[in-house]
Amino acid sequence: MIRTVEALSLDTVVVRSASPLSAPIDGELALLDPAQGRYFGLDQTGHRIWQLIEEPRSIMALCRVLGSEFDVGAETCRAEVLSFLARLEESDLLVRA
């Protein structure tokens, strides 16, 4: 079955899925989704995003925080965050709040 998902926008409010187990490993974050039996690895930036979406947050608010913490331009940050969150959503690791 093919599922069609509306594209994420900066106004979309997202929160991480409650199902994955996580553990920090050498500056990265390893996720295990028991429902899928799949592992995922997040680098430092992905780990920070995962922390920030523990509570529902708009993507724009997320980008504001990341822009203040990392040396990245606003447009690049928005594009990268939208792409990353879309991959999380495709993997059922992110839900829209």
Protein backbone atom coordinates (compact mmCIF):
# COMPACT_ATOMS: atom_id res chain seq x y z
CA MET A 1 0.00 0.00 0.00
CA ILE A 2 1.38 3.40 -0.97
CA ARG A 3 0.72 6.15 1.51
CA THR A 4 0.56 9.74 0.41
CA VAL A 5 1.81 12.27 2.93
CA GLU A 6 1.36 16.01 2.65
CA ALA A 7 4.72 17.77 2.52
CA LEU A 8 6.04 19.25 5.72
CA SER A 9 6.06 23.03 5.98
CA LEU A 10 7.67 25.44 8.40
CA ASP A 11 4.33 25.76 10.21
CA THR A 12 3.98 21.99 10.72
CA VAL A 13 4.19 20.97 14.38
CA VAL A 14 6.06 17.72 14.88
CA VAL A 15 7.04 15.45 17.74
CA ARG A 16 9.17 12.34 17.79
CA SER A 17 7.55 8.95 17.88
CA ALA A 18 7.50 7.31 21.29
CA SER A 19 8.38 3.85 19.99
CA PRO A 20 12.15 3.97 19.33
CA LEU A 21 14.64 3.14 22.02
CA SER A 22 17.72 5.36 21.97
CA ALA A 23 21.28 5.32 23.26
CA PRO A 24 24.18 7.73 22.77
CA ILE A 25 27.24 6.09 21.19
CA ASP A 26 30.47 8.01 20.48
CA GLY A 27 28.79 11.40 20.03
CA GLU A 28 25.97 10.00 17.92
CA LEU A 29 22.57 8.60 18.77
CA ALA A 30 21.49 5.07 17.94
CA LEU A 31 17.77 4.41 17.64
CA LEU A 32 16.08 1.02 17.63
CA ASP A 33 12.50 0.84 16.52
CA PRO A 34 11.26 -2.47 17.95
CA ALA A 35 8.07 -2.36 15.87
CA GLN A 36 10.10 -2.30 12.65
CA GLY A 37 13.15 -4.17 13.91
CA ARG A 38 15.34 -1.44 12.40
CA TYR A 39 18.28 0.57 13.67
CA PHE A 40 18.91 4.21 12.83
CA GLY A 41 21.95 6.34 13.51
CA LEU A 42 21.85 10.10 14.06
CA ASP A 43 24.89 12.38 13.92
CA GLN A 44 25.36 15.31 16.31
CA THR A 45 22.89 17.53 14.46
CA GLY A 46 20.32 14.76 14.12
CA HIS A 47 20.75 13.97 17.80
CA ARG A 48 20.05 17.61 18.68
CA ILE A 49 16.94 17.66 16.50
CA TRP A 50 15.76 14.45 18.18
CA GLN A 51 16.18 16.13 21.58
CA LEU A 52 14.29 19.24 20.46
CA ILE A 53 11.31 17.31 19.13
CA GLU A 54 10.76 15.43 22.38
CA GLU A 55 7.92 17.93 22.85
CA PRO A 56 5.73 19.19 19.98
CA ARG A 57 7.42 22.05 18.16
CA SER A 58 6.88 23.83 14.86
CA ILE A 59 9.58 23.32 12.28
CA MET A 60 10.13 27.09 12.16
CA ALA A 61 10.77 27.16 15.94
CA LEU A 62 13.09 24.18 15.56
CA CYS A 63 15.05 26.01 12.84
CA ARG A 64 15.35 29.10 15.03
CA VAL A 65 16.96 27.07 17.82
CA LEU A 66 19.28 25.21 15.46
CA GLY A 67 20.27 28.44 13.71
CA SER A 68 21.37 29.89 17.04
CA GLU A 69 23.31 26.76 18.02
CA PHE A 70 25.00 25.84 14.73
CA ASP A 71 26.90 27.89 12.17
CA VAL A 72 24.34 27.60 9.36
CA GLY A 73 22.40 30.06 7.26
CA ALA A 74 18.64 30.25 7.76
CA GLU A 75 17.74 29.02 4.26
CA THR A 76 20.17 26.11 4.41
CA CYS A 77 18.95 25.19 7.88
CA ARG A 78 15.31 25.16 6.78
CA ALA A 79 16.02 23.02 3.71
CA GLU A 80 18.16 20.52 5.63
CA VAL A 81 15.74 20.26 8.56
CA LEU A 82 12.74 19.75 6.28
CA SER A 83 14.59 17.01 4.41
CA PHE A 84 15.74 15.30 7.61
CA LEU A 85 12.28 15.43 9.20
CA ALA A 86 10.70 14.05 6.02
CA ARG A 87 13.04 11.05 6.26
CA LEU A 88 12.12 10.57 9.92
CA GLU A 89 8.44 10.71 9.02
CA GLU A 90 8.89 8.18 6.19
CA SER A 91 10.53 5.86 8.72
CA ASP A 92 7.66 6.33 11.21
CA LEU A 93 9.95 8.03 13.72
CA LEU A 94 8.11 11.37 13.59
CA VAL A 95 4.47 12.29 13.97
CA ARG A 96 2.60 15.49 13.29
CA ALA A 97 1.15 16.99 16.44
